[in-house]
Amino acid sequence: MQNENNPVMSKKKGWTILIISLFMVYLFGVSIGPWLQQYIYGMEEIVAVMEANDIDGGAYYYTEIEGAADGYAYLDQSMRFFAPEHYGLTLPFISGIIICLLILYSGFRFLPRSCD
């Protein structure tokens, strides 16, 4: 590795990557995720049921919450009866896989490695 001789540069690079990564997670949660909501099959129904039943998104999958059980039953029924328009190996599906692989590659390529 080229930064083994300069630990200060390695720390700066590590902190920079950490901050950029946290910003990208925040950006996805605040703007990109809600924008993608209209393109993901079933997401509109999920959001509508959660808002109608005042279900906390962070606690959505806890079975002890009565609203979550009602929301799950509604969503399960709606997913069974309404088939998606685009199903199978479509461009959005393939592009999602490619984006995930690029994120994994960039993580392995650019994140600092531990010094043993």
C-alpha atoms as a PDB file:
ATOM      1  CA  MET A   1       0.000   0.000   0.000  1.00  0.00           C
ATOM      2  CA  GLN A   2       1.200   3.459  -0.767  1.00  0.00           C
ATOM      3  CA  ASN A   3       0.026   5.052   2.512  1.00  0.00           C
ATOM      4  CA  GLU A   4       1.931   2.717   4.859  1.00  0.00           C
ATOM      5  CA  ASN A   5       4.779   5.229   5.145  1.00  0.00           C
ATOM      6  CA  ASN A   6       2.451   8.148   5.867  1.00  0.00           C
ATOM      7  CA  PRO A   7      -0.094   7.226   8.589  1.00  0.00           C
ATOM      8  CA  VAL A   8      -1.481  10.800   8.709  1.00  0.00           C
ATOM      9  CA  MET A   9      -2.490  10.593   5.050  1.00  0.00           C
ATOM     10  CA  SER A  10      -4.076   7.183   5.682  1.00  0.00           C
ATOM     11  CA  LYS A  11      -6.132   8.600   8.580  1.00  0.00           C
ATOM     12  CA  LYS A  12      -7.243  11.569   6.497  1.00  0.00           C
ATOM     13  CA  LYS A  13      -8.290   9.259   3.678  1.00  0.00           C
ATOM     14  CA  GLY A  14     -10.161   7.012   6.102  1.00  0.00           C
ATOM     15  CA  TRP A  15     -12.040   9.907   7.728  1.00  0.00           C
ATOM     16  CA  THR A  16     -12.840  11.405   4.337  1.00  0.00           C
ATOM     17  CA  ILE A  17     -14.279   8.117   3.092  1.00  0.00           C
ATOM     18  CA  LEU A  18     -16.273   7.684   6.315  1.00  0.00           C
ATOM     19  CA  ILE A  19     -17.779  11.174   6.095  1.00  0.00           C
ATOM     20  CA  ILE A  20     -18.619  10.790   2.404  1.00  0.00           C
ATOM     21  CA  SER A  21     -20.213   7.393   3.091  1.00  0.00           C
ATOM     22  CA  LEU A  22     -22.359   8.769   5.918  1.00  0.00           C
ATOM     23  CA  PHE A  23     -23.414  11.692   3.733  1.00  0.00           C
ATOM     24  CA  MET A  24     -24.395   9.324   0.917  1.00  0.00           C
ATOM     25  CA  VAL A  25     -26.497   7.189   3.291  1.00  0.00           C
ATOM     26  CA  TYR A  26     -28.199  10.370   4.541  1.00  0.00           C
ATOM     27  CA  LEU A  27     -28.750  11.590   0.967  1.00  0.00           C
ATOM     28  CA  PHE A  28     -30.320   8.270   0.005  1.00  0.00           C
ATOM     29  CA  GLY A  29     -32.651   8.270   2.997  1.00  0.00           C
ATOM     30  CA  VAL A  30     -33.764  11.868   2.603  1.00  0.00           C
ATOM     31  CA  SER A  31     -33.997  12.425  -1.144  1.00  0.00           C
ATOM     32  CA  ILE A  32     -33.142   9.454  -3.355  1.00  0.00           C
ATOM     33  CA  GLY A  33     -35.210   6.892  -1.410  1.00  0.00           C
ATOM     34  CA  PRO A  34     -38.437   8.932  -1.454  1.00  0.00           C
ATOM     35  CA  TRP A  35     -37.905   9.704  -5.143  1.00  0.00           C
ATOM     36  CA  LEU A  36     -37.477   5.980  -5.920  1.00  0.00           C
ATOM     37  CA  GLN A  37     -40.684   5.216  -4.052  1.00  0.00           C
ATOM     38  CA  GLN A  38     -42.773   5.828  -7.165  1.00  0.00           C
ATOM     39  CA  TYR A  39     -40.719   3.339  -9.192  1.00  0.00           C
ATOM     40  CA  ILE A  40     -40.657   0.410  -6.745  1.00  0.00           C
ATOM     41  CA  TYR A  41     -43.634  -1.928  -7.063  1.00  0.00           C
ATOM     42  CA  GLY A  42     -45.811  -1.947  -3.971  1.00  0.00           C
ATOM     43  CA  MET A  43     -43.991   0.871  -2.201  1.00  0.00           C
ATOM     44  CA  GLU A  44     -46.887   3.319  -2.612  1.00  0.00           C
ATOM     45  CA  GLU A  45     -49.231   0.813  -0.953  1.00  0.00           C
ATOM     46  CA  ILE A  46     -46.795   0.210   1.881  1.00  0.00           C
ATOM     47  CA  VAL A  47     -46.429   3.927   2.575  1.00  0.00           C
ATOM     48  CA  ALA A  48     -50.198   4.499   2.352  1.00  0.00           C
ATOM     49  CA  VAL A  49     -50.961   1.699   4.836  1.00  0.00           C
ATOM     50  CA  MET A  50     -48.249   2.884   7.214  1.00  0.00           C
ATOM     51  CA  GLU A  51     -49.544   6.454   7.150  1.00  0.00           C
ATOM     52  CA  ALA A  52     -53.197   5.392   7.482  1.00  0.00           C
ATOM     53  CA  ASN A  53     -52.469   3.197  10.505  1.00  0.00           C
ATOM     54  CA  ASP A  54     -49.910   5.551  12.095  1.00  0.00           C
ATOM     55  CA  ILE A  55     -47.250   2.839  11.974  1.00  0.00           C
ATOM     56  CA  ASP A  56     -43.719   3.868  12.840  1.00  0.00           C
ATOM     57  CA  GLY A  57     -41.432   2.801   9.992  1.00  0.00           C
ATOM     58  CA  GLY A  58     -38.701   1.837  12.431  1.00  0.00           C
ATOM     59  CA  ALA A  59     -41.063  -0.514  14.261  1.00  0.00           C
ATOM     60  CA  TYR A  60     -42.942  -1.809  11.213  1.00  0.00           C
ATOM     61  CA  TYR A  61     -41.787  -5.417  11.465  1.00  0.00           C
ATOM     62  CA  TYR A  62     -42.318  -5.874  15.196  1.00  0.00           C
ATOM     63  CA  THR A  63     -45.136  -8.364  15.593  1.00  0.00           C
ATOM     64  CA  GLU A  64     -46.286  -6.977  18.935  1.00  0.00           C
ATOM     65  CA  ILE A  65     -47.716  -3.854  17.297  1.00  0.00           C
ATOM     66  CA  GLU A  66     -51.354  -4.302  16.259  1.00  0.00           C
ATOM     67  CA  GLY A  67     -51.110  -1.776  13.419  1.00  0.00           C
ATOM     68  CA  ALA A  68     -48.168  -3.604  11.936  1.00  0.00           C
ATOM     69  CA  ALA A  69     -50.159  -6.854  11.813  1.00  0.00           C
ATOM     70  CA  ASP A  70     -53.045  -5.099  10.059  1.00  0.00           C
ATOM     71  CA  GLY A  71     -50.664  -3.420   7.642  1.00  0.00           C
ATOM     72  CA  TYR A  72     -48.939  -6.707   6.899  1.00  0.00           C
ATOM     73  CA  ALA A  73     -52.262  -8.445   6.168  1.00  0.00           C
ATOM     74  CA  TYR A  74     -53.320  -5.652   3.806  1.00  0.00           C
ATOM     75  CA  LEU A  75     -49.981  -5.571   2.018  1.00  0.00           C
ATOM     76  CA  ASP A  76     -49.816  -9.347   1.708  1.00  0.00           C
ATOM     77  CA  GLN A  77     -53.258  -9.421   0.139  1.00  0.00           C
ATOM     78  CA  SER A  78     -52.544  -6.554  -2.240  1.00  0.00           C
ATOM     79  CA  MET A  79     -49.234  -8.092  -3.352  1.00  0.00           C
ATOM     80  CA  ARG A  80     -50.968 -11.360  -4.205  1.00  0.00           C
ATOM     81  CA  PHE A  81     -53.711  -9.797  -6.331  1.00  0.00           C
ATOM     82  CA  PHE A  82     -51.866  -7.034  -8.134  1.00  0.00           C
ATOM     83  CA  ALA A  83     -49.051  -8.290 -10.323  1.00  0.00           C
ATOM     84  CA  PRO A  84     -46.321  -5.796 -11.181  1.00  0.00           C
ATOM     85  CA  GLU A  85     -46.270  -4.346 -14.678  1.00  0.00           C
ATOM     86  CA  HIS A  86     -42.581  -5.069 -15.054  1.00  0.00           C
ATOM     87  CA  TYR A  87     -41.579  -8.450 -13.764  1.00  0.00           C
ATOM     88  CA  GLY A  88     -38.393 -10.415 -14.300  1.00  0.00           C
ATOM     89  CA  LEU A  89     -35.091  -9.251 -15.760  1.00  0.00           C
ATOM     90  CA  THR A  90     -36.016  -5.659 -16.494  1.00  0.00           C
ATOM     91  CA  LEU A  91     -33.733  -2.669 -16.873  1.00  0.00           C
ATOM     92  CA  PRO A  92     -34.412  -1.334 -13.338  1.00  0.00           C
ATOM     93  CA  PHE A  93     -33.711  -4.754 -11.822  1.00  0.00           C
ATOM     94  CA  ILE A  94     -30.476  -5.263 -13.750  1.00  0.00           C
ATOM     95  CA  SER A  95     -29.323  -1.689 -13.109  1.00  0.00           C
ATOM     96  CA  GLY A  96     -29.957  -2.195  -9.374  1.00  0.00           C
ATOM     97  CA  ILE A  97     -27.755  -5.273  -9.377  1.00  0.00           C
ATOM     98  CA  ILE A  98     -25.029  -3.410 -11.278  1.00  0.00           C
ATOM     99  CA  ILE A  99     -25.177  -0.482  -8.839  1.00  0.00           C
ATOM    100  CA  CYS A 100     -24.862  -2.867  -5.868  1.00  0.00           C
ATOM    101  CA  LEU A 101     -21.856  -4.546  -7.447  1.00  0.00           C
ATOM    102  CA  LEU A 102     -20.228  -1.157  -8.138  1.00  0.00           C
ATOM    103  CA  ILE A 103     -20.747  -0.131  -4.504  1.00  0.00           C
ATOM    104  CA  LEU A 104     -19.146  -3.374  -3.329  1.00  0.00           C
ATOM    105  CA  TYR A 105     -16.234  -2.957  -5.738  1.00  0.00           C
ATOM    106  CA  SER A 106     -15.606   0.638  -4.691  1.00  0.00           C
ATOM    107  CA  GLY A 107     -15.703  -0.400  -1.035  1.00  0.00           C
ATOM    108  CA  PHE A 108     -13.124  -3.122  -1.551  1.00  0.00           C
ATOM    109  CA  ARG A 109     -11.019  -0.933  -3.829  1.00  0.00           C
ATOM    110  CA  PHE A 110     -10.908   2.400  -2.001  1.00  0.00           C
ATOM    111  CA  LEU A 111     -11.506   1.746   1.710  1.00  0.00           C
ATOM    112  CA  PRO A 112      -8.309   1.520   3.758  1.00  0.00           C
ATOM    113  CA  ARG A 113      -7.162  -1.938   4.724  1.00  0.00           C
ATOM    114  CA  SER A 114      -6.059  -2.866   8.211  1.00  0.00           C
ATOM    115  CA  CYS A 115      -2.349  -3.015   8.864  1.00  0.00           C
ATOM    116  CA  ASP A 116      -1.431  -6.390  10.341  1.00  0.00           C
END
